């Protein structure tokens, strides 16, 4: 069977299905935990397995769910062969679509303060991804046939996240009088200002009565 119809995303889905299979809801859950590696809409993790089933790379079966039967996909022989062939191909540097990096090129058109302020949204994403990595590390032991490989990937993900955090700090230092002032304001607002000292008391005037014989 030709692999012409397989895309990079096809191999993502086939890999996540793996030796024990997975349902679309499982694929979405795993994809959300691994969004630092690959970003795709949830709907694609429902549509692509159906396409791969039609091509003969996956087999679908129904399994009992909590309220109704759920679709569960398993690799076919063709799916396993496609993964084995793909794993032997030379890996390439990943394609990156980096919105924040592109925005920074607008520095000759917008104020630096605008660029720096726009990067603040990355910090909340970094915090969220870090929490997801912590949870994924804890859950890795529940997948013994993939534990060591998951943790190696998590180590890379943490380095990617740390690199972004360091880059934001660098941008703020070099462009960011506004960011520095903002952080200084936040730091100062965390500690209530000391009360102003009371005004000095007015000098007391002493009236002395003239000495009377």
N, C-alpha and C. Protein backbone atom coordinates (compact mmCIF):
# COMPACT_ATOMS: atom_id res chain seq x y z
N UNK A 1 0.85 -1.20 0.00
CA UNK A 1 0.00 0.00 0.00
C UNK A 1 0.88 1.24 0.00
N UNK A 2 0.56 2.20 -0.87
CA UNK A 2 1.34 3.43 -0.96
C UNK A 2 1.05 4.33 0.23
N UNK A 3 2.10 5.07 0.68
CA UNK A 3 1.95 6.00 1.78
C UNK A 3 1.74 7.42 1.30
N UNK A 4 1.44 7.59 0.01
CA UNK A 4 1.29 8.92 -0.57
C UNK A 4 0.21 9.71 0.17
N UNK A 5 -0.85 9.05 0.58
CA UNK A 5 -1.98 9.74 1.22
C UNK A 5 -1.71 10.11 2.67
N UNK A 6 -0.57 9.70 3.21
CA UNK A 6 -0.27 10.00 4.61
C UNK A 6 0.44 11.34 4.72
N UNK A 7 -0.03 12.16 5.64
CA UNK A 7 0.56 13.46 5.91
C UNK A 7 1.32 13.38 7.24
N UNK A 8 2.11 14.40 7.58
CA UNK A 8 2.74 14.41 8.90
C UNK A 8 1.73 14.23 10.03
N UNK A 9 0.56 14.85 9.88
CA UNK A 9 -0.46 14.70 10.92
C UNK A 9 -0.99 13.26 10.97
N UNK A 10 -1.03 12.59 9.83
CA UNK A 10 -1.45 11.18 9.82
C UNK A 10 -0.56 10.34 10.73
N UNK A 11 0.75 10.60 10.67
CA UNK A 11 1.68 9.84 11.50
C UNK A 11 1.52 10.17 12.98
N UNK A 12 1.14 11.42 13.28
CA UNK A 12 0.85 11.78 14.67
C UNK A 12 -0.30 10.92 15.19
N UNK A 13 -1.36 10.84 14.41
CA UNK A 13 -2.54 10.07 14.83
C UNK A 13 -2.20 8.59 14.96
N UNK A 14 -1.51 8.04 13.99
CA UNK A 14 -1.14 6.63 14.05
C UNK A 14 -0.26 6.33 15.26
N UNK A 15 0.67 7.25 15.56
CA UNK A 15 1.55 7.05 16.71
C UNK A 15 0.77 7.09 18.01
N UNK A 16 -0.15 8.05 18.14
CA UNK A 16 -0.94 8.15 19.37
C UNK A 16 -1.88 6.95 19.53
N UNK A 17 -2.38 6.42 18.44
CA UNK A 17 -3.19 5.19 18.53
C UNK A 17 -2.32 4.06 19.09
N UNK A 18 -1.12 3.91 18.54
CA UNK A 18 -0.14 2.99 19.10
C UNK A 18 -0.58 1.54 19.19
N UNK A 19 0.15 0.80 20.01
CA UNK A 19 -0.07 -0.65 20.05
C UNK A 19 -1.37 -1.05 20.76
N UNK A 20 -1.86 -0.18 21.67
CA UNK A 20 -3.06 -0.54 22.43
C UNK A 20 -4.32 0.14 21.91
N UNK A 21 -4.18 0.99 20.91
CA UNK A 21 -5.35 1.64 20.34
C UNK A 21 -5.79 2.84 21.16
N UNK A 22 -6.72 3.60 20.59
CA UNK A 22 -7.24 4.79 21.26
C UNK A 22 -8.51 5.25 20.55
N UNK A 23 -9.36 5.92 21.31
CA UNK A 23 -10.55 6.53 20.74
C UNK A 23 -10.29 8.00 20.45
N UNK A 24 -11.18 8.63 19.70
CA UNK A 24 -10.98 10.06 19.40
C UNK A 24 -10.83 10.92 20.65
N UNK A 25 -11.61 10.61 21.70
CA UNK A 25 -11.52 11.39 22.93
C UNK A 25 -10.14 11.21 23.58
N UNK A 26 -9.57 10.00 23.45
CA UNK A 26 -8.21 9.77 23.98
C UNK A 26 -7.20 10.59 23.18
N UNK A 27 -7.38 10.63 21.87
CA UNK A 27 -6.45 11.38 21.03
C UNK A 27 -6.48 12.87 21.38
N UNK A 28 -7.68 13.40 21.61
CA UNK A 28 -7.80 14.82 21.97
C UNK A 28 -7.11 15.09 23.31
N UNK A 29 -7.32 14.21 24.26
CA UNK A 29 -6.70 14.39 25.60
C UNK A 29 -5.18 14.38 25.48
N UNK A 30 -4.64 13.40 24.74
CA UNK A 30 -3.18 13.33 24.57
C UNK A 30 -2.65 14.54 23.81
N UNK A 31 -3.41 15.00 22.82
CA UNK A 31 -2.96 16.14 22.04
C UNK A 31 -2.91 17.41 22.89
N UNK A 32 -3.88 17.57 23.77
CA UNK A 32 -3.88 18.76 24.63
C UNK A 32 -2.68 18.74 25.57
N UNK A 33 -2.34 17.57 26.08
CA UNK A 33 -1.17 17.47 26.96
C UNK A 33 0.12 17.73 26.19
N UNK A 34 0.12 17.43 24.90
CA UNK A 34 1.34 17.57 24.10
C UNK A 34 1.30 18.71 23.11
N UNK A 35 0.52 19.76 23.42
CA UNK A 35 0.37 20.84 22.44
C UNK A 35 1.65 21.61 22.21
N UNK A 36 2.62 21.47 23.11
CA UNK A 36 3.91 22.14 22.88
C UNK A 36 4.62 21.52 21.68
N UNK A 37 4.28 20.26 21.34
CA UNK A 37 4.92 19.59 20.20
C UNK A 37 4.13 19.77 18.91
N UNK A 38 2.79 19.73 19.02
CA UNK A 38 1.97 19.71 17.81
C UNK A 38 0.63 20.35 18.12
N UNK A 39 0.29 21.38 17.37
CA UNK A 39 -0.98 22.08 17.58
C UNK A 39 -1.94 21.75 16.45
N UNK A 40 -3.13 21.30 16.81
CA UNK A 40 -4.16 21.00 15.83
C UNK A 40 -5.52 21.12 16.52
N UNK A 41 -6.51 21.47 15.75
CA UNK A 41 -7.86 21.59 16.30
C UNK A 41 -8.37 20.22 16.73
N UNK A 42 -9.19 20.22 17.80
CA UNK A 42 -9.76 18.96 18.29
C UNK A 42 -10.49 18.20 17.18
N UNK A 43 -11.17 18.94 16.31
CA UNK A 43 -11.96 18.30 15.25
C UNK A 43 -11.09 17.44 14.34
N UNK A 44 -9.83 17.82 14.17
CA UNK A 44 -8.96 17.03 13.29
C UNK A 44 -8.67 15.64 13.87
N UNK A 45 -8.70 15.53 15.19
CA UNK A 45 -8.45 14.23 15.82
C UNK A 45 -9.69 13.32 15.76
N UNK A 46 -10.80 13.87 15.32
CA UNK A 46 -11.97 13.05 15.04
C UNK A 46 -12.05 12.71 13.55
N UNK A 47 -11.64 13.65 12.70
CA UNK A 47 -11.76 13.44 11.26
C UNK A 47 -10.65 12.55 10.69
N UNK A 48 -9.41 12.76 11.13
CA UNK A 48 -8.29 12.03 10.54
C UNK A 48 -8.36 10.52 10.77
N UNK A 49 -8.73 10.04 11.98
CA UNK A 49 -8.84 8.58 12.13
C UNK A 49 -9.86 7.95 11.18
N UNK A 50 -10.95 8.66 10.92
CA UNK A 50 -11.93 8.13 9.97
C UNK A 50 -11.32 8.00 8.58
N UNK A 51 -10.53 9.00 8.19
CA UNK A 51 -9.88 8.95 6.88
C UNK A 51 -8.87 7.81 6.83
N UNK A 52 -8.12 7.64 7.92
CA UNK A 52 -7.11 6.57 7.95
C UNK A 52 -7.76 5.19 7.96
N UNK A 53 -8.95 5.11 8.53
CA UNK A 53 -9.67 3.82 8.48
C UNK A 53 -10.06 3.49 7.05
N UNK A 54 -10.54 4.49 6.33
CA UNK A 54 -10.93 4.26 4.93
C UNK A 54 -9.73 3.85 4.08
N UNK A 55 -8.54 4.37 4.44
CA UNK A 55 -7.33 4.04 3.69
C UNK A 55 -6.74 2.69 4.11
N UNK A 56 -7.27 2.12 5.20
CA UNK A 56 -6.80 0.81 5.61
C UNK A 56 -5.69 0.81 6.65
N UNK A 57 -5.39 1.99 7.23
CA UNK A 57 -4.32 2.05 8.23
C UNK A 57 -4.83 1.86 9.66
N UNK A 58 -6.14 2.04 9.86
CA UNK A 58 -6.76 1.84 11.17
C UNK A 58 -7.99 0.96 11.02
N UNK A 59 -8.29 0.28 12.10
CA UNK A 59 -9.52 -0.52 12.18
C UNK A 59 -10.34 0.02 13.34
N UNK A 60 -11.62 0.28 13.10
CA UNK A 60 -12.49 0.82 14.13
C UNK A 60 -13.37 -0.27 14.70
N UNK A 61 -13.53 -0.24 16.03
CA UNK A 61 -14.45 -1.16 16.70
C UNK A 61 -15.19 -0.40 17.79
N UNK A 62 -16.33 -0.93 18.21
CA UNK A 62 -17.13 -0.30 19.25
C UNK A 62 -16.82 -0.95 20.59
N UNK A 63 -16.64 -0.12 21.61
CA UNK A 63 -16.39 -0.60 22.96
C UNK A 63 -17.33 0.12 23.91
N UNK A 64 -17.72 -0.55 25.00
CA UNK A 64 -18.65 0.08 25.94
C UNK A 64 -18.06 1.34 26.56
N UNK A 65 -18.89 2.39 26.63
CA UNK A 65 -18.52 3.61 27.32
C UNK A 65 -19.38 3.80 28.54
N UNK A 66 -19.27 4.94 29.18
CA UNK A 66 -20.05 5.18 30.39
C UNK A 66 -21.54 5.26 30.09
N UNK A 67 -21.88 5.92 29.00
CA UNK A 67 -23.30 6.07 28.66
C UNK A 67 -23.67 5.41 27.33
N UNK A 68 -22.69 5.21 26.46
CA UNK A 68 -22.96 4.58 25.16
C UNK A 68 -21.66 3.99 24.62
N UNK A 69 -21.80 3.20 23.57
CA UNK A 69 -20.61 2.62 22.96
C UNK A 69 -19.74 3.71 22.33
N UNK A 70 -18.43 3.50 22.41
CA UNK A 70 -17.48 4.46 21.86
C UNK A 70 -16.64 3.79 20.78
N UNK A 71 -16.21 4.61 19.84
CA UNK A 71 -15.32 4.12 18.79
C UNK A 71 -13.91 3.99 19.32
N UNK A 72 -13.29 2.87 19.05
CA UNK A 72 -11.90 2.63 19.46
C UNK A 72 -11.13 2.18 18.22
N UNK A 73 -10.03 2.87 17.95
CA UNK A 73 -9.23 2.56 16.76
C UNK A 73 -8.02 1.72 17.13
N UNK A 74 -7.70 0.77 16.25
CA UNK A 74 -6.51 -0.07 16.38
C UNK A 74 -5.73 0.00 15.07
N UNK A 75 -4.42 -0.12 15.18
CA UNK A 75 -3.58 -0.16 13.98
C UNK A 75 -3.83 -1.45 13.20
N UNK A 76 -3.86 -1.34 11.90
CA UNK A 76 -3.84 -2.52 11.05
C UNK A 76 -2.39 -2.85 10.74
N UNK A 77 -2.17 -3.96 10.05
CA UNK A 77 -0.80 -4.30 9.63
C UNK A 77 -0.22 -3.18 8.77
N UNK A 78 -1.05 -2.61 7.90
CA UNK A 78 -0.58 -1.53 7.05
C UNK A 78 -0.20 -0.31 7.88
N UNK A 79 -0.98 -0.03 8.94
CA UNK A 79 -0.66 1.09 9.81
C UNK A 79 0.65 0.88 10.55
N UNK A 80 0.86 -0.32 11.06
CA UNK A 80 2.14 -0.62 11.75
C UNK A 80 3.32 -0.52 10.79
N UNK A 81 3.15 -1.05 9.58
CA UNK A 81 4.24 -0.99 8.60
C UNK A 81 4.56 0.45 8.22
N UNK A 82 3.51 1.27 8.09
CA UNK A 82 3.74 2.67 7.74
C UNK A 82 4.53 3.38 8.84
N UNK A 83 4.23 3.09 10.10
CA UNK A 83 4.95 3.71 11.21
C UNK A 83 6.41 3.25 11.26
N UNK A 84 6.62 1.97 11.01
CA UNK A 84 7.99 1.44 11.04
C UNK A 84 8.82 2.08 9.93
N UNK A 85 8.24 2.21 8.74
CA UNK A 85 8.96 2.86 7.63
C UNK A 85 9.24 4.32 7.95
N UNK A 86 8.25 5.01 8.53
CA UNK A 86 8.39 6.43 8.83
C UNK A 86 9.46 6.66 9.91
N UNK A 87 9.51 5.78 10.91
CA UNK A 87 10.49 5.93 12.00
C UNK A 87 11.92 5.83 11.47
N UNK A 88 12.12 5.13 10.37
CA UNK A 88 13.47 4.95 9.83
C UNK A 88 13.91 6.13 8.96
N UNK A 89 12.98 7.03 8.64
CA UNK A 89 13.34 8.18 7.81
C UNK A 89 14.08 9.22 8.65
N UNK A 90 14.99 10.00 8.04
CA UNK A 90 15.70 11.04 8.79
C UNK A 90 14.72 12.10 9.33
N UNK A 91 14.86 12.42 10.60
CA UNK A 91 14.03 13.47 11.20
C UNK A 91 14.55 14.83 10.77
N UNK A 92 13.65 15.77 10.59
CA UNK A 92 14.01 17.13 10.20
C UNK A 92 13.65 18.11 11.31
N UNK A 93 14.29 19.28 11.26
CA UNK A 93 13.94 20.29 12.25
C UNK A 93 12.46 20.64 12.10
N UNK A 94 11.73 20.79 13.21
CA UNK A 94 10.28 20.98 13.12
C UNK A 94 9.90 22.30 12.46
N UNK A 95 8.77 22.28 11.79
CA UNK A 95 8.21 23.50 11.25
C UNK A 95 7.64 24.32 12.41
N UNK A 96 7.93 25.59 12.41
CA UNK A 96 7.49 26.43 13.51
C UNK A 96 6.67 27.59 12.95
N UNK A 97 5.50 27.82 13.50
CA UNK A 97 4.68 28.99 13.18
C UNK A 97 4.60 29.82 14.46
N UNK A 98 5.47 30.81 14.56
CA UNK A 98 5.64 31.53 15.82
C UNK A 98 5.08 32.94 15.69
N UNK A 99 3.89 33.14 16.21
CA UNK A 99 3.22 34.43 16.09
C UNK A 99 3.99 35.54 16.82
N UNK A 100 4.49 35.24 18.01
CA UNK A 100 5.17 36.28 18.79
C UNK A 100 6.44 36.76 18.10
N UNK A 101 7.19 35.83 17.51
CA UNK A 101 8.41 36.22 16.79
C UNK A 101 8.07 37.11 15.61
N UNK A 102 7.00 36.79 14.89
CA UNK A 102 6.59 37.60 13.75
C UNK A 102 6.17 38.99 14.19
N UNK A 103 5.46 39.07 15.31
CA UNK A 103 5.04 40.38 15.82
C UNK A 103 6.23 41.28 16.12
N UNK A 104 7.30 40.68 16.59
CA UNK A 104 8.46 41.48 16.98
C UNK A 104 9.06 42.21 15.78
N UNK A 105 8.83 41.68 14.59
CA UNK A 105 9.34 42.33 13.39
C UNK A 105 8.59 43.62 13.07
N UNK A 106 7.52 43.90 13.80
CA UNK A 106 6.77 45.14 13.60
C UNK A 106 7.36 46.29 14.40
N UNK A 107 8.55 46.07 14.95
CA UNK A 107 9.15 47.09 15.79
C UNK A 107 9.40 48.41 15.10
N UNK A 108 9.51 48.40 13.78
CA UNK A 108 9.72 49.67 13.07
C UNK A 108 8.40 50.36 12.76
N UNK A 109 7.27 49.75 13.18
CA UNK A 109 5.95 50.32 12.88
C UNK A 109 5.14 50.64 14.12
N UNK A 110 5.42 49.95 15.22
CA UNK A 110 4.65 50.18 16.45
C UNK A 110 5.63 50.42 17.59
N UNK A 111 5.20 51.07 18.65
CA UNK A 111 6.10 51.34 19.78
C UNK A 111 6.56 50.04 20.45
N UNK A 112 7.76 50.08 20.98
CA UNK A 112 8.28 48.91 21.71
C UNK A 112 7.37 48.53 22.86
N UNK A 113 6.78 49.51 23.50
CA UNK A 113 5.91 49.21 24.64
C UNK A 113 4.73 48.34 24.24
N UNK A 114 4.24 48.53 23.02
CA UNK A 114 3.12 47.71 22.52
C UNK A 114 3.59 46.27 22.32
N UNK A 115 4.77 46.09 21.74
CA UNK A 115 5.31 44.75 21.51
C UNK A 115 5.52 44.02 22.84
N UNK A 116 6.10 44.72 23.80
CA UNK A 116 6.38 44.11 25.09
C UNK A 116 5.08 43.73 25.80
N UNK A 117 4.10 44.61 25.77
CA UNK A 117 2.83 44.32 26.42
C UNK A 117 2.15 43.11 25.78
N UNK A 118 2.30 42.96 24.45
CA UNK A 118 1.68 41.84 23.76
C UNK A 118 2.25 40.49 24.15
N UNK A 119 3.48 40.48 24.64
CA UNK A 119 4.11 39.22 25.03
C UNK A 119 3.63 38.71 26.37
N UNK A 120 2.92 39.54 27.12
CA UNK A 120 2.48 39.11 28.44
C UNK A 120 1.57 37.89 28.37
N UNK A 121 0.81 37.78 27.26
CA UNK A 121 -0.07 36.62 27.12
C UNK A 121 0.68 35.31 27.10
N UNK A 122 1.93 35.34 26.64
CA UNK A 122 2.73 34.11 26.61
C UNK A 122 3.01 33.59 28.01
N UNK A 123 3.09 34.49 28.97
CA UNK A 123 3.42 34.03 30.33
C UNK A 123 2.34 33.14 30.91
N UNK A 124 1.08 33.47 30.65
CA UNK A 124 0.00 32.61 31.14
C UNK A 124 0.00 31.26 30.42
N UNK A 125 0.32 31.28 29.11
CA UNK A 125 0.43 30.02 28.37
C UNK A 125 1.56 29.16 28.93
N UNK A 126 2.68 29.80 29.24
CA UNK A 126 3.83 29.07 29.78
C UNK A 126 3.46 28.43 31.12
N UNK A 127 2.74 29.16 31.95
CA UNK A 127 2.32 28.60 33.25
C UNK A 127 1.38 27.42 33.04
N UNK A 128 0.47 27.53 32.07
CA UNK A 128 -0.48 26.44 31.80
C UNK A 128 0.24 25.21 31.26
N UNK A 129 1.15 25.42 30.32
CA UNK A 129 1.88 24.28 29.74
C UNK A 129 2.75 23.61 30.79
N UNK A 130 3.37 24.39 31.66
CA UNK A 130 4.19 23.82 32.72
C UNK A 130 3.35 22.93 33.63
N UNK A 131 2.15 23.39 33.96
CA UNK A 131 1.26 22.56 34.79
C UNK A 131 0.86 21.28 34.05
N UNK A 132 0.62 21.38 32.75
CA UNK A 132 0.28 20.18 31.96
C UNK A 132 1.44 19.20 31.92
N UNK A 133 2.67 19.72 31.84
CA UNK A 133 3.84 18.85 31.83
C UNK A 133 4.01 18.16 33.18
N UNK A 134 3.74 18.88 34.25
CA UNK A 134 3.81 18.25 35.58
C UNK A 134 2.82 17.09 35.67
N UNK A 135 1.60 17.32 35.18
CA UNK A 135 0.58 16.26 35.21
C UNK A 135 0.98 15.10 34.29
N UNK A 136 1.54 15.43 33.13
CA UNK A 136 1.94 14.38 32.18
C UNK A 136 3.09 13.55 32.75
N UNK A 137 4.02 14.18 33.44
CA UNK A 137 5.12 13.44 34.07
C UNK A 137 4.58 12.46 35.10
N UNK A 138 3.60 12.92 35.88
CA UNK A 138 3.02 12.05 36.90
C UNK A 138 2.27 10.88 36.27
N UNK A 139 1.65 11.11 35.11
CA UNK A 139 0.86 10.07 34.46
C UNK A 139 1.70 9.14 33.59
N UNK A 140 2.94 9.51 33.32
CA UNK A 140 3.77 8.71 32.41
C UNK A 140 3.96 7.29 32.91
N UNK A 141 4.03 7.11 34.21
CA UNK A 141 4.23 5.77 34.77
C UNK A 141 3.05 4.85 34.50
N UNK A 142 1.90 5.43 34.18
CA UNK A 142 0.71 4.62 33.90
C UNK A 142 0.76 4.02 32.50
N UNK A 143 1.75 4.42 31.71
CA UNK A 143 1.90 3.88 30.35
C UNK A 143 3.29 3.25 30.27
N UNK A 144 3.48 2.09 30.91
CA UNK A 144 4.84 1.54 31.07
C UNK A 144 5.58 1.31 29.76
N UNK A 145 4.87 0.98 28.69
CA UNK A 145 5.57 0.71 27.43
C UNK A 145 6.06 2.00 26.76
N UNK A 146 5.65 3.17 27.31
CA UNK A 146 6.09 4.44 26.73
C UNK A 146 6.70 5.38 27.76
N UNK A 147 6.83 4.96 29.01
CA UNK A 147 7.24 5.87 30.07
C UNK A 147 8.55 6.57 29.77
N UNK A 148 9.58 5.82 29.42
CA UNK A 148 10.90 6.43 29.21
C UNK A 148 10.90 7.40 28.04
N UNK A 149 10.10 7.09 27.01
CA UNK A 149 10.05 7.94 25.82
C UNK A 149 9.24 9.21 26.10
N UNK A 150 8.17 9.06 26.86
CA UNK A 150 7.39 10.23 27.25
C UNK A 150 8.23 11.20 28.06
N UNK A 151 9.00 10.68 29.00
CA UNK A 151 9.80 11.56 29.86
C UNK A 151 10.93 12.24 29.10
N UNK A 152 11.47 11.57 28.11
CA UNK A 152 12.46 12.23 27.25
C UNK A 152 11.82 13.38 26.48
N UNK A 153 10.61 13.17 25.98
CA UNK A 153 9.91 14.24 25.28
C UNK A 153 9.55 15.38 26.23
N UNK A 154 9.15 15.02 27.45
CA UNK A 154 8.80 16.06 28.43
C UNK A 154 10.02 16.92 28.75
N UNK A 155 11.20 16.30 28.79
CA UNK A 155 12.42 17.06 29.07
C UNK A 155 12.66 18.09 27.96
N UNK A 156 12.43 17.70 26.71
CA UNK A 156 12.55 18.65 25.61
C UNK A 156 11.51 19.75 25.74
N UNK A 157 10.29 19.38 26.07
CA UNK A 157 9.22 20.38 26.19
C UNK A 157 9.55 21.41 27.26
N UNK A 158 10.11 20.97 28.36
CA UNK A 158 10.47 21.92 29.44
C UNK A 158 11.56 22.88 28.95
N UNK A 159 12.49 22.38 28.17
CA UNK A 159 13.53 23.26 27.65
C UNK A 159 12.93 24.29 26.68
N UNK A 160 11.97 23.87 25.87
CA UNK A 160 11.31 24.80 24.96
C UNK A 160 10.58 25.88 25.75
N UNK A 161 9.88 25.47 26.80
CA UNK A 161 9.14 26.43 27.61
C UNK A 161 10.10 27.39 28.32
N UNK A 162 11.18 26.84 28.88
CA UNK A 162 12.16 27.69 29.57
C UNK A 162 12.81 28.66 28.59
N UNK A 163 13.08 28.21 27.36
CA UNK A 163 13.68 29.10 26.36
C UNK A 163 12.75 30.26 26.05
N UNK A 164 11.45 30.01 25.98
CA UNK A 164 10.50 31.09 25.73
C UNK A 164 10.47 32.07 26.89
N UNK A 165 10.50 31.55 28.09
CA UNK A 165 10.49 32.43 29.27
C UNK A 165 11.73 33.32 29.29
N UNK A 166 12.88 32.72 28.99
CA UNK A 166 14.13 33.48 28.94
C UNK A 166 14.09 34.52 27.83
N UNK A 167 13.53 34.16 26.69
CA UNK A 167 13.43 35.09 25.55
C UNK A 167 12.55 36.29 25.90
N UNK A 168 11.42 36.03 26.56
CA UNK A 168 10.54 37.14 26.96
C UNK A 168 11.29 38.08 27.90
N UNK A 169 12.03 37.53 28.85
CA UNK A 169 12.82 38.37 29.76
C UNK A 169 13.81 39.23 28.98
N UNK A 170 14.45 38.64 27.98
CA UNK A 170 15.44 39.38 27.18
C UNK A 170 14.77 40.52 26.40
N UNK A 171 13.62 40.21 25.79
CA UNK A 171 12.91 41.24 25.04
C UNK A 171 12.52 42.39 25.96
N UNK A 172 12.04 42.06 27.15
CA UNK A 172 11.63 43.10 28.09
C UNK A 172 12.82 43.95 28.53
N UNK A 173 13.98 43.30 28.72
CA UNK A 173 15.15 44.06 29.13
C UNK A 173 15.59 45.03 28.03
N UNK A 174 15.56 44.56 26.78
CA UNK A 174 16.12 45.35 25.69
C UNK A 174 15.14 46.38 25.12
N UNK A 175 13.84 46.04 25.17
CA UNK A 175 12.85 46.96 24.60
C UNK A 175 12.04 47.67 25.66
N UNK A 176 12.20 47.19 26.89
CA UNK A 176 11.08 47.40 27.76
C UNK A 176 11.22 48.33 28.88
N UNK A 177 11.40 49.60 28.63
CA UNK A 177 11.21 50.49 29.76
C UNK A 177 9.83 50.33 30.32
N UNK A 178 8.85 50.11 29.44
CA UNK A 178 7.48 49.99 29.91
C UNK A 178 7.31 48.77 30.76
N UNK A 179 7.92 47.64 30.33
CA UNK A 179 7.77 46.40 31.10
C UNK A 179 8.45 46.53 32.44
N UNK A 180 9.65 47.14 32.45
CA UNK A 180 10.36 47.29 33.71
C UNK A 180 9.56 48.15 34.67
N UNK A 181 8.97 49.22 34.14
CA UNK A 181 8.16 50.09 34.99
C UNK A 181 6.94 49.35 35.50
N UNK A 182 6.33 48.51 34.62
CA UNK A 182 5.15 47.76 35.02
C UNK A 182 5.48 46.79 36.13
N UNK A 183 6.60 46.07 35.97
CA UNK A 183 6.98 45.13 37.02
C UNK A 183 7.35 45.84 38.31
N UNK A 184 7.98 46.99 38.19
CA UNK A 184 8.32 47.74 39.39
C UNK A 184 7.06 48.21 40.10
N UNK A 185 6.06 48.63 39.31
CA UNK A 185 4.80 49.06 39.89
C UNK A 185 4.10 47.91 40.59
N UNK A 186 4.12 46.73 39.94
CA UNK A 186 3.48 45.55 40.54
C UNK A 186 4.18 45.18 41.85
N UNK A 187 5.51 45.26 41.83
CA UNK A 187 6.25 44.91 43.04
C UNK A 187 5.98 45.89 44.16
N UNK A 188 5.90 47.18 43.81
CA UNK A 188 5.68 48.17 44.85
C UNK A 188 4.27 48.11 45.40
N UNK A 189 3.30 47.70 44.52
CA UNK A 189 1.92 47.62 44.99
C UNK A 189 1.70 46.43 45.90
N UNK A 190 2.61 45.46 45.83
CA UNK A 190 2.46 44.29 46.70
C UNK A 190 2.79 44.63 48.16
N UNK A 191 3.57 45.67 48.38
CA UNK A 191 3.94 46.06 49.74
C UNK A 191 3.32 47.41 50.02
N UNK A 192 2.47 47.52 51.03
CA UNK A 192 1.82 48.81 51.29
C UNK A 192 2.86 49.86 51.65
N UNK A 193 2.68 51.06 51.15
CA UNK A 193 3.66 52.11 51.45
C UNK A 193 3.67 52.45 52.93
N UNK A 194 4.83 52.82 53.40
CA UNK A 194 4.93 53.22 54.81
C UNK A 194 4.16 54.51 55.02
N UNK A 195 3.48 54.63 56.16
CA UNK A 195 2.72 55.86 56.41
C UNK A 195 3.65 57.06 56.45
N UNK A 196 3.15 58.19 55.95
CA UNK A 196 3.95 59.41 55.97
C UNK A 196 4.16 59.87 57.41
N UNK A 197 5.33 60.37 57.71
CA UNK A 197 5.56 60.84 59.08
C UNK A 197 4.66 62.03 59.39
N UNK A 198 4.24 62.16 60.62
CA UNK A 198 3.37 63.29 60.97
C UNK A 198 4.12 64.60 60.81
N UNK A 199 3.39 65.65 60.48
CA UNK A 199 4.07 66.96 60.33
C UNK A 199 4.64 67.40 61.67
N UNK A 200 5.74 68.12 61.63
CA UNK A 200 6.32 68.57 62.90
C UNK A 200 5.38 69.49 63.65
N UNK A 201 5.39 69.36 64.98
CA UNK A 201 4.53 70.21 65.81
C UNK A 201 5.01 71.64 65.73
N UNK A 202 4.08 72.59 65.70
CA UNK A 202 4.49 74.00 65.64
C UNK A 202 5.27 74.39 66.89
N UNK A 203 6.22 75.26 66.70
CA UNK A 203 7.02 75.70 67.85
C UNK A 203 6.13 76.40 68.87
N UNK A 204 6.31 76.04 70.08
CA UNK A 204 5.49 76.63 71.15
C UNK A 204 6.09 77.98 71.54
N UNK A 205 5.26 79.00 71.50
CA UNK A 205 5.70 80.33 71.89
C UNK A 205 5.44 80.51 73.40
N UNK A 206 6.46 80.90 74.10
CA UNK A 206 6.37 81.09 75.55
C UNK A 206 6.33 82.58 75.84
N UNK A 207 5.28 82.98 76.49
CA UNK A 207 5.14 84.40 76.87
C UNK A 207 5.57 84.56 78.32
N UNK A 208 6.50 85.40 78.52
CA UNK A 208 6.96 85.65 79.89
C UNK A 208 6.40 87.00 80.36
N UNK A 209 5.76 86.97 81.52
CA UNK A 209 5.24 88.23 82.07
C UNK A 209 6.41 89.10 82.55
N UNK A 210 6.31 90.39 82.36
CA UNK A 210 7.39 91.24 82.84
C UNK A 210 7.51 91.17 84.35
N UNK A 211 8.74 91.24 84.81
CA UNK A 211 8.98 91.15 86.26
C UNK A 211 8.41 92.41 86.91
N UNK A 212 7.59 92.20 87.93
CA UNK A 212 6.97 93.33 88.63
C UNK A 212 7.49 93.33 90.05
N UNK A 213 7.96 94.53 90.49
CA UNK A 213 8.45 94.64 91.86
C UNK A 213 7.26 94.52 92.82
